[in-house]
All heavy atoms as atom14 arrays in JSON, in Angstrom:
{
  "sequence": "FGLAVLGEILETVAAGYGARKFGGSKGSMLAALLGCLGGA",
  "atom14_mask": [
    [1, 1, 1, 1, 1, 1, 1, 1, 1, 1, 1, 0, 0, 0],
    [1, 1, 1, 1, 0, 0, 0, 0, 0, 0, 0, 0, 0, 0],
    [1, 1, 1, 1, 1, 1, 1, 1, 0, 0, 0, 0, 0, 0],
    [1, 1, 1, 1, 1, 0, 0, 0, 0, 0, 0, 0, 0, 0],
    [1, 1, 1, 1, 1, 1, 1, 0, 0, 0, 0, 0, 0, 0],
    [1, 1, 1, 1, 1, 1, 1, 1, 0, 0, 0, 0, 0, 0],
    [1, 1, 1, 1, 0, 0, 0, 0, 0, 0, 0, 0, 0, 0],
    [1, 1, 1, 1, 1, 1, 1, 1, 1, 0, 0, 0, 0, 0],
    [1, 1, 1, 1, 1, 1, 1, 1, 0, 0, 0, 0, 0, 0],
    [1, 1, 1, 1, 1, 1, 1, 1, 0, 0, 0, 0, 0, 0],
    [1, 1, 1, 1, 1, 1, 1, 1, 1, 0, 0, 0, 0, 0],
    [1, 1, 1, 1, 1, 1, 1, 0, 0, 0, 0, 0, 0, 0],
    [1, 1, 1, 1, 1, 1, 1, 0, 0, 0, 0, 0, 0, 0],
    [1, 1, 1, 1, 1, 0, 0, 0, 0, 0, 0, 0, 0, 0],
    [1, 1, 1, 1, 1, 0, 0, 0, 0, 0, 0, 0, 0, 0],
    [1, 1, 1, 1, 0, 0, 0, 0, 0, 0, 0, 0, 0, 0],
    [1, 1, 1, 1, 1, 1, 1, 1, 1, 1, 1, 1, 0, 0],
    [1, 1, 1, 1, 0, 0, 0, 0, 0, 0, 0, 0, 0, 0],
    [1, 1, 1, 1, 1, 0, 0, 0, 0, 0, 0, 0, 0, 0],
    [1, 1, 1, 1, 1, 1, 1, 1, 1, 1, 1, 0, 0, 0],
    [1, 1, 1, 1, 1, 1, 1, 1, 1, 0, 0, 0, 0, 0],
    [1, 1, 1, 1, 1, 1, 1, 1, 1, 1, 1, 0, 0, 0],
    [1, 1, 1, 1, 0, 0, 0, 0, 0, 0, 0, 0, 0, 0],
    [1, 1, 1, 1, 0, 0, 0, 0, 0, 0, 0, 0, 0, 0],
    [1, 1, 1, 1, 1, 1, 0, 0, 0, 0, 0, 0, 0, 0],
    [1, 1, 1, 1, 1, 1, 1, 1, 1, 0, 0, 0, 0, 0],
    [1, 1, 1, 1, 0, 0, 0, 0, 0, 0, 0, 0, 0, 0],
    [1, 1, 1, 1, 1, 1, 0, 0, 0, 0, 0, 0, 0, 0],
    [1, 1, 1, 1, 1, 1, 1, 1, 0, 0, 0, 0, 0, 0],
    [1, 1, 1, 1, 1, 1, 1, 1, 0, 0, 0, 0, 0, 0],
    [1, 1, 1, 1, 1, 0, 0, 0, 0, 0, 0, 0, 0, 0],
    [1, 1, 1, 1, 1, 0, 0, 0, 0, 0, 0, 0, 0, 0],
    [1, 1, 1, 1, 1, 1, 1, 1, 0, 0, 0, 0, 0, 0],
    [1, 1, 1, 1, 1, 1, 1, 1, 0, 0, 0, 0, 0, 0],
    [1, 1, 1, 1, 0, 0, 0, 0, 0, 0, 0, 0, 0, 0],
    [1, 1, 1, 1, 1, 1, 0, 0, 0, 0, 0, 0, 0, 0],
    [1, 1, 1, 1, 1, 1, 1, 1, 0, 0, 0, 0, 0, 0],
    [1, 1, 1, 1, 0, 0, 0, 0, 0, 0, 0, 0, 0, 0],
    [1, 1, 1, 1, 0, 0, 0, 0, 0, 0, 0, 0, 0, 0],
    [1, 1, 1, 1, 1, 0, 0, 0, 0, 0, 0, 0, 0, 0]
  ],
  "atom14_positions": [
    [[-11.03, 9.08, -20.44], [-11.42, 7.71, -20.92], [-10.42, 6.75, -20.5], [-10.71, 5.71, -20.0], [-11.62, 7.72, -22.45], [-11.99, 6.4, -22.97], [-13.33, 5.94, -22.89], [-11.1, 5.51, -23.56], [-13.62, 4.66, -23.36], [-11.37, 4.27, -24.06], [-12.71, 3.87, -24.01], [0.0, 0.0, 0.0], [0.0, 0.0, 0.0], [0.0, 0.0, 0.0]],
    [[-9.17, 6.92, -20.73], [-8.13, 6.02, -20.39], [-8.06, 5.74, -18.79], [-7.83, 4.7, -18.42], [0.0, 0.0, 0.0], [0.0, 0.0, 0.0], [0.0, 0.0, 0.0], [0.0, 0.0, 0.0], [0.0, 0.0, 0.0], [0.0, 0.0, 0.0], [0.0, 0.0, 0.0], [0.0, 0.0, 0.0], [0.0, 0.0, 0.0], [0.0, 0.0, 0.0]],
    [[-8.33, 6.79, -18.14], [-8.39, 6.64, -16.62], [-9.52, 5.79, -16.2], [-9.47, 4.96, -15.33], [-8.41, 7.98, -15.94], [-6.98, 8.73, -15.92], [-7.28, 10.23, -15.36], [-6.04, 8.06, -15.02], [0.0, 0.0, 0.0], [0.0, 0.0, 0.0], [0.0, 0.0, 0.0], [0.0, 0.0, 0.0], [0.0, 0.0, 0.0], [0.0, 0.0, 0.0]],
    [[-10.73, 5.98, -16.91], [-11.9, 5.2, -16.58], [-11.63, 3.71, -16.83], [-11.99, 2.83, -16.02], [-13.04, 5.69, -17.26], [0.0, 0.0, 0.0], [0.0, 0.0, 0.0], [0.0, 0.0, 0.0], [0.0, 0.0, 0.0], [0.0, 0.0, 0.0], [0.0, 0.0, 0.0], [0.0, 0.0, 0.0], [0.0, 0.0, 0.0], [0.0, 0.0, 0.0]],
    [[-10.94, 3.41, -17.95], [-10.52, 2.1, -18.3], [-9.58, 1.45, -17.24], [-9.76, 0.39, -16.72], [-9.93, 1.92, -19.68], [-9.35, 0.6, -19.98], [-11.04, 2.33, -20.77], [0.0, 0.0, 0.0], [0.0, 0.0, 0.0], [0.0, 0.0, 0.0], [0.0, 0.0, 0.0], [0.0, 0.0, 0.0], [0.0, 0.0, 0.0], [0.0, 0.0, 0.0]],
    [[-8.6, 2.37, -16.83], [-7.65, 1.84, -15.88], [-8.33, 1.54, -14.52], [-7.95, 0.61, -13.87], [-6.57, 3.02, -15.63], [-5.53, 2.74, -14.62], [-4.67, 1.5, -14.92], [-4.62, 3.98, -14.32], [0.0, 0.0, 0.0], [0.0, 0.0, 0.0], [0.0, 0.0, 0.0], [0.0, 0.0, 0.0], [0.0, 0.0, 0.0], [0.0, 0.0, 0.0]],
    [[-9.24, 2.43, -14.11], [-9.99, 2.15, -12.89], [-10.64, 0.75, -12.92], [-10.7, 0.05, -11.85], [0.0, 0.0, 0.0], [0.0, 0.0, 0.0], [0.0, 0.0, 0.0], [0.0, 0.0, 0.0], [0.0, 0.0, 0.0], [0.0, 0.0, 0.0], [0.0, 0.0, 0.0], [0.0, 0.0, 0.0], [0.0, 0.0, 0.0], [0.0, 0.0, 0.0]],
    [[-11.32, 0.45, -14.03], [-11.99, -0.79, -14.18], [-11.04, -2.0, -14.08], [-11.24, -3.03, -13.32], [-12.76, -0.91, -15.42], [-13.88, 0.05, -15.48], [-14.94, -0.12, -14.46], [-15.29, -1.23, -14.01], [-15.58, 0.97, -14.11], [0.0, 0.0, 0.0], [0.0, 0.0, 0.0], [0.0, 0.0, 0.0], [0.0, 0.0, 0.0], [0.0, 0.0, 0.0]],
    [[-9.85, -1.86, -14.7], [-8.82, -2.84, -14.69], [-8.27, -3.1, -13.26], [-8.22, -4.31, -12.82], [-7.65, -2.6, -15.75], [-8.21, -2.63, -17.12], [-6.46, -3.49, -15.42], [-7.21, -2.17, -18.12], [0.0, 0.0, 0.0], [0.0, 0.0, 0.0], [0.0, 0.0, 0.0], [0.0, 0.0, 0.0], [0.0, 0.0, 0.0], [0.0, 0.0, 0.0]],
    [[-7.96, -2.0, -12.64], [-7.43, -2.11, -11.25], [-8.42, -2.7, -10.3], [-8.0, -3.5, -9.49], [-6.96, -0.71, -10.79], [-5.75, -0.05, -11.49], [-5.53, 1.33, -10.97], [-4.49, -0.92, -11.28], [0.0, 0.0, 0.0], [0.0, 0.0, 0.0], [0.0, 0.0, 0.0], [0.0, 0.0, 0.0], [0.0, 0.0, 0.0], [0.0, 0.0, 0.0]],
    [[-9.65, -2.35, -10.44], [-10.7, -2.88, -9.51], [-10.85, -4.42, -9.75], [-11.02, -5.17, -8.92], [-11.95, -2.23, -9.63], [-12.99, -2.79, -8.7], [-14.48, -2.54, -9.18], [-14.72, -2.01, -10.31], [-15.35, -2.86, -8.38], [0.0, 0.0, 0.0], [0.0, 0.0, 0.0], [0.0, 0.0, 0.0], [0.0, 0.0, 0.0], [0.0, 0.0, 0.0]],
    [[-10.8, -4.79, -11.0], [-10.98, -6.16, -11.41], [-9.9, -7.02, -10.89], [-10.1, -8.14, -10.43], [-11.1, -6.29, -12.97], [-12.3, -5.51, -13.32], [-11.33, -7.73, -13.35], [0.0, 0.0, 0.0], [0.0, 0.0, 0.0], [0.0, 0.0, 0.0], [0.0, 0.0, 0.0], [0.0, 0.0, 0.0], [0.0, 0.0, 0.0], [0.0, 0.0, 0.0]],
    [[-8.61, -6.63, -11.07], [-7.51, -7.51, -10.59], [-7.24, -7.38, -9.15], [-6.47, -8.21, -8.54], [-6.23, -7.23, -11.37], [-6.46, -7.41, -12.9], [-5.72, -5.85, -11.11], [0.0, 0.0, 0.0], [0.0, 0.0, 0.0], [0.0, 0.0, 0.0], [0.0, 0.0, 0.0], [0.0, 0.0, 0.0], [0.0, 0.0, 0.0], [0.0, 0.0, 0.0]],
    [[-7.77, -6.45, -8.41], [-7.42, -6.33, -7.01], [-7.76, -7.46, -6.06], [-6.91, -7.84, -5.28], [-8.1, -4.97, -6.44], [0.0, 0.0, 0.0], [0.0, 0.0, 0.0], [0.0, 0.0, 0.0], [0.0, 0.0, 0.0], [0.0, 0.0, 0.0], [0.0, 0.0, 0.0], [0.0, 0.0, 0.0], [0.0, 0.0, 0.0], [0.0, 0.0, 0.0]],
    [[-8.88, -8.03, -6.19], [-9.28, -9.29, -5.37], [-8.33, -10.39, -5.68], [-7.76, -11.04, -4.73], [-10.65, -9.63, -5.68], [0.0, 0.0, 0.0], [0.0, 0.0, 0.0], [0.0, 0.0, 0.0], [0.0, 0.0, 0.0], [0.0, 0.0, 0.0], [0.0, 0.0, 0.0], [0.0, 0.0, 0.0], [0.0, 0.0, 0.0], [0.0, 0.0, 0.0]],
    [[-7.99, -10.62, -6.91], [-7.09, -11.7, -7.26], [-5.7, -11.37, -6.67], [-4.95, -12.31, -6.3], [0.0, 0.0, 0.0], [0.0, 0.0, 0.0], [0.0, 0.0, 0.0], [0.0, 0.0, 0.0], [0.0, 0.0, 0.0], [0.0, 0.0, 0.0], [0.0, 0.0, 0.0], [0.0, 0.0, 0.0], [0.0, 0.0, 0.0], [0.0, 0.0, 0.0]],
    [[-5.29, -10.18, -6.84], [-3.97, -9.79, -6.34], [-3.81, -10.03, -4.83], [-2.88, -10.48, -4.28], [-3.64, -8.33, -6.69], [-2.27, -7.84, -6.18], [-1.07, -8.23, -6.82], [-2.15, -7.05, -5.1], [0.14, -7.67, -6.45], [-0.96, -6.61, -4.61], [0.2, -6.95, -5.29], [1.39, -6.53, -4.81], [0.0, 0.0, 0.0], [0.0, 0.0, 0.0]],
    [[-4.95, -9.66, -4.11], [-5.02, -9.9, -2.69], [-4.95, -11.34, -2.34], [-4.15, -11.77, -1.4], [0.0, 0.0, 0.0], [0.0, 0.0, 0.0], [0.0, 0.0, 0.0], [0.0, 0.0, 0.0], [0.0, 0.0, 0.0], [0.0, 0.0, 0.0], [0.0, 0.0, 0.0], [0.0, 0.0, 0.0], [0.0, 0.0, 0.0], [0.0, 0.0, 0.0]],
    [[-5.63, -12.13, -3.09], [-5.51, -13.6, -2.81], [-4.15, -14.11, -3.06], [-3.66, -14.92, -2.25], [-6.52, -14.42, -3.76], [0.0, 0.0, 0.0], [0.0, 0.0, 0.0], [0.0, 0.0, 0.0], [0.0, 0.0, 0.0], [0.0, 0.0, 0.0], [0.0, 0.0, 0.0], [0.0, 0.0, 0.0], [0.0, 0.0, 0.0], [0.0, 0.0, 0.0]],
    [[-3.51, -13.62, -4.11], [-2.19, -14.11, -4.5], [-1.18, -13.64, -3.27], [-0.29, -14.39, -2.91], [-1.71, -13.45, -5.76], [-0.43, -13.85, -6.29], [-0.52, -15.23, -6.94], [0.83, -15.5, -7.6], [1.29, -16.68, -7.66], [0.6, -17.75, -7.32], [2.45, -16.91, -8.26], [0.0, 0.0, 0.0], [0.0, 0.0, 0.0], [0.0, 0.0, 0.0]],
    [[-1.29, -12.35, -2.87], [-0.46, -11.9, -1.83], [-0.63, -12.63, -0.41], [0.32, -12.63, 0.41], [-0.6, -10.38, -1.57], [0.04, -9.55, -2.62], [1.55, -9.79, -2.48], [2.29, -8.84, -3.45], [3.73, -9.14, -3.53], [0.0, 0.0, 0.0], [0.0, 0.0, 0.0], [0.0, 0.0, 0.0], [0.0, 0.0, 0.0], [0.0, 0.0, 0.0]],
    [[-1.79, -13.17, -0.3], [-2.11, -14.0, 0.99], [-1.82, -15.5, 0.73], [-2.46, -16.26, 1.46], [-3.36, -13.7, 1.46], [-3.6, -12.42, 2.27], [-3.16, -11.14, 1.64], [-4.09, -12.39, 3.53], [-3.33, -9.99, 2.4], [-4.15, -11.3, 4.28], [-3.81, -9.99, 3.74], [0.0, 0.0, 0.0], [0.0, 0.0, 0.0], [0.0, 0.0, 0.0]],
    [[-1.03, -15.83, -0.19], [-0.58, -17.21, -0.41], [-1.35, -18.03, -1.35], [-1.13, -19.26, -1.44], [0.0, 0.0, 0.0], [0.0, 0.0, 0.0], [0.0, 0.0, 0.0], [0.0, 0.0, 0.0], [0.0, 0.0, 0.0], [0.0, 0.0, 0.0], [0.0, 0.0, 0.0], [0.0, 0.0, 0.0], [0.0, 0.0, 0.0], [0.0, 0.0, 0.0]],
    [[-2.25, -17.34, -2.1], [-3.07, -18.15, -3.04], [-2.33, -18.33, -4.39], [-1.29, -17.74, -4.7], [0.0, 0.0, 0.0], [0.0, 0.0, 0.0], [0.0, 0.0, 0.0], [0.0, 0.0, 0.0], [0.0, 0.0, 0.0], [0.0, 0.0, 0.0], [0.0, 0.0, 0.0], [0.0, 0.0, 0.0], [0.0, 0.0, 0.0], [0.0, 0.0, 0.0]],
    [[-2.81, -19.31, -5.09], [-2.31, -19.73, -6.44], [-2.81, -18.81, -7.51], [-3.71, -18.0, -7.27], [-2.61, -21.1, -6.73], [-3.96, -21.32, -6.83], [0.0, 0.0, 0.0], [0.0, 0.0, 0.0], [0.0, 0.0, 0.0], [0.0, 0.0, 0.0], [0.0, 0.0, 0.0], [0.0, 0.0, 0.0], [0.0, 0.0, 0.0], [0.0, 0.0, 0.0]],
    [[-2.3, -18.96, -8.72], [-2.92, -18.14, -9.87], [-4.35, -18.47, -10.12], [-5.18, -17.68, -10.41], [-2.07, -18.43, -11.08], [-0.7, -17.81, -11.12], [-0.02, -18.14, -12.39], [1.36, -17.5, -12.4], [2.14, -17.8, -13.61], [0.0, 0.0, 0.0], [0.0, 0.0, 0.0], [0.0, 0.0, 0.0], [0.0, 0.0, 0.0], [0.0, 0.0, 0.0]],
    [[-4.68, -19.77, -9.76], [-6.14, -20.21, -9.92], [-6.99, -19.45, -8.91], [-8.18, -19.23, -9.14], [0.0, 0.0, 0.0], [0.0, 0.0, 0.0], [0.0, 0.0, 0.0], [0.0, 0.0, 0.0], [0.0, 0.0, 0.0], [0.0, 0.0, 0.0], [0.0, 0.0, 0.0], [0.0, 0.0, 0.0], [0.0, 0.0, 0.0], [0.0, 0.0, 0.0]],
    [[-6.5, -19.17, -7.69], [-7.25, -18.51, -6.73], [-7.58, -17.1, -7.07], [-8.62, -16.49, -6.68], [-6.63, -18.5, -5.3], [-5.45, -17.73, -5.31], [0.0, 0.0, 0.0], [0.0, 0.0, 0.0], [0.0, 0.0, 0.0], [0.0, 0.0, 0.0], [0.0, 0.0, 0.0], [0.0, 0.0, 0.0], [0.0, 0.0, 0.0], [0.0, 0.0, 0.0]],
    [[-6.69, -16.42, -7.96], [-7.03, -15.12, -8.41], [-8.25, -15.23, -9.32], [-9.09, -14.3, -9.19], [-5.75, -14.63, -9.27], [-4.52, -14.44, -8.44], [-3.03, -14.05, -9.46], [-3.44, -12.41, -9.97], [0.0, 0.0, 0.0], [0.0, 0.0, 0.0], [0.0, 0.0, 0.0], [0.0, 0.0, 0.0], [0.0, 0.0, 0.0], [0.0, 0.0, 0.0]],
    [[-8.25, -16.15, -10.23], [-9.45, -16.37, -11.16], [-10.68, -16.62, -10.3], [-11.83, -16.09, -10.54], [-9.18, -17.33, -12.2], [-10.36, -17.54, -13.23], [-10.72, -16.29, -13.94], [-10.03, -18.64, -14.15], [0.0, 0.0, 0.0], [0.0, 0.0, 0.0], [0.0, 0.0, 0.0], [0.0, 0.0, 0.0], [0.0, 0.0, 0.0], [0.0, 0.0, 0.0]],
    [[-10.54, -17.5, -9.39], [-11.64, -17.92, -8.52], [-12.2, -16.72, -7.63], [-13.43, -16.55, -7.48], [-11.22, -19.02, -7.47], [0.0, 0.0, 0.0], [0.0, 0.0, 0.0], [0.0, 0.0, 0.0], [0.0, 0.0, 0.0], [0.0, 0.0, 0.0], [0.0, 0.0, 0.0], [0.0, 0.0, 0.0], [0.0, 0.0, 0.0], [0.0, 0.0, 0.0]],
    [[-11.3, -15.87, -7.26], [-11.74, -14.64, -6.55], [-12.49, -13.64, -7.43], [-13.49, -13.21, -7.07], [-10.57, -13.84, -5.99], [0.0, 0.0, 0.0], [0.0, 0.0, 0.0], [0.0, 0.0, 0.0], [0.0, 0.0, 0.0], [0.0, 0.0, 0.0], [0.0, 0.0, 0.0], [0.0, 0.0, 0.0], [0.0, 0.0, 0.0], [0.0, 0.0, 0.0]],
    [[-12.04, -13.57, -8.64], [-12.77, -12.69, -9.63], [-14.17, -13.28, -9.93], [-15.16, -12.56, -9.86], [-12.01, -12.57, -10.95], [-12.67, -11.89, -12.08], [-13.03, -10.49, -11.68], [-11.85, -11.9, -13.38], [0.0, 0.0, 0.0], [0.0, 0.0, 0.0], [0.0, 0.0, 0.0], [0.0, 0.0, 0.0], [0.0, 0.0, 0.0], [0.0, 0.0, 0.0]],
    [[-14.2, -14.51, -10.16], [-15.54, -15.19, -10.39], [-16.42, -15.16, -9.17], [-17.58, -14.98, -9.29], [-15.27, -16.67, -10.89], [-14.64, -16.84, -12.25], [-14.34, -18.3, -12.58], [-15.45, -16.2, -13.44], [0.0, 0.0, 0.0], [0.0, 0.0, 0.0], [0.0, 0.0, 0.0], [0.0, 0.0, 0.0], [0.0, 0.0, 0.0], [0.0, 0.0, 0.0]],
    [[-15.82, -15.37, -8.05], [-16.51, -15.25, -6.75], [-17.11, -13.78, -6.53], [-18.28, -13.66, -6.13], [0.0, 0.0, 0.0], [0.0, 0.0, 0.0], [0.0, 0.0, 0.0], [0.0, 0.0, 0.0], [0.0, 0.0, 0.0], [0.0, 0.0, 0.0], [0.0, 0.0, 0.0], [0.0, 0.0, 0.0], [0.0, 0.0, 0.0], [0.0, 0.0, 0.0]],
    [[-16.31, -12.8, -6.92], [-16.8, -11.43, -6.93], [-18.08, -11.26, -7.73], [-19.08, -10.72, -7.19], [-15.8, -10.43, -7.5], [-14.54, -10.01, -6.24], [0.0, 0.0, 0.0], [0.0, 0.0, 0.0], [0.0, 0.0, 0.0], [0.0, 0.0, 0.0], [0.0, 0.0, 0.0], [0.0, 0.0, 0.0], [0.0, 0.0, 0.0], [0.0, 0.0, 0.0]],
    [[-18.05, -11.71, -8.92], [-19.31, -11.63, -9.85], [-20.38, -12.42, -9.32], [-21.51, -11.87, -9.16], [-18.82, -12.13, -11.24], [-17.76, -11.3, -12.0], [-17.36, -11.94, -13.27], [-18.3, -9.83, -12.12], [0.0, 0.0, 0.0], [0.0, 0.0, 0.0], [0.0, 0.0, 0.0], [0.0, 0.0, 0.0], [0.0, 0.0, 0.0], [0.0, 0.0, 0.0]],
    [[-20.14, -13.69, -8.94], [-21.19, -14.53, -8.36], [-21.78, -13.99, -7.13], [-23.09, -13.99, -6.88], [0.0, 0.0, 0.0], [0.0, 0.0, 0.0], [0.0, 0.0, 0.0], [0.0, 0.0, 0.0], [0.0, 0.0, 0.0], [0.0, 0.0, 0.0], [0.0, 0.0, 0.0], [0.0, 0.0, 0.0], [0.0, 0.0, 0.0], [0.0, 0.0, 0.0]],
    [[-20.92, -13.6, -6.18], [-21.39, -12.98, -4.94], [-22.33, -11.8, -5.14], [-23.32, -11.55, -4.46], [0.0, 0.0, 0.0], [0.0, 0.0, 0.0], [0.0, 0.0, 0.0], [0.0, 0.0, 0.0], [0.0, 0.0, 0.0], [0.0, 0.0, 0.0], [0.0, 0.0, 0.0], [0.0, 0.0, 0.0], [0.0, 0.0, 0.0], [0.0, 0.0, 0.0]],
    [[-21.82, -10.96, -6.07], [-22.62, -9.7, -6.3], [-23.96, -9.97, -6.84], [-24.98, -9.47, -6.45], [-21.86, -8.79, -7.3], [0.0, 0.0, 0.0], [0.0, 0.0, 0.0], [0.0, 0.0, 0.0], [0.0, 0.0, 0.0], [0.0, 0.0, 0.0], [0.0, 0.0, 0.0], [0.0, 0.0, 0.0], [0.0, 0.0, 0.0], [0.0, 0.0, 0.0]]
  ]
}
């Protein structure tokens, strides 16, 4: 159960982390997450 929760958390933050690592702001992390949901 703990691993399943961890998997969801890691997947959720990964897009934001990628945006941040490529020069994005903290806001771009949230925008990436919202974009993931909207795009899906």
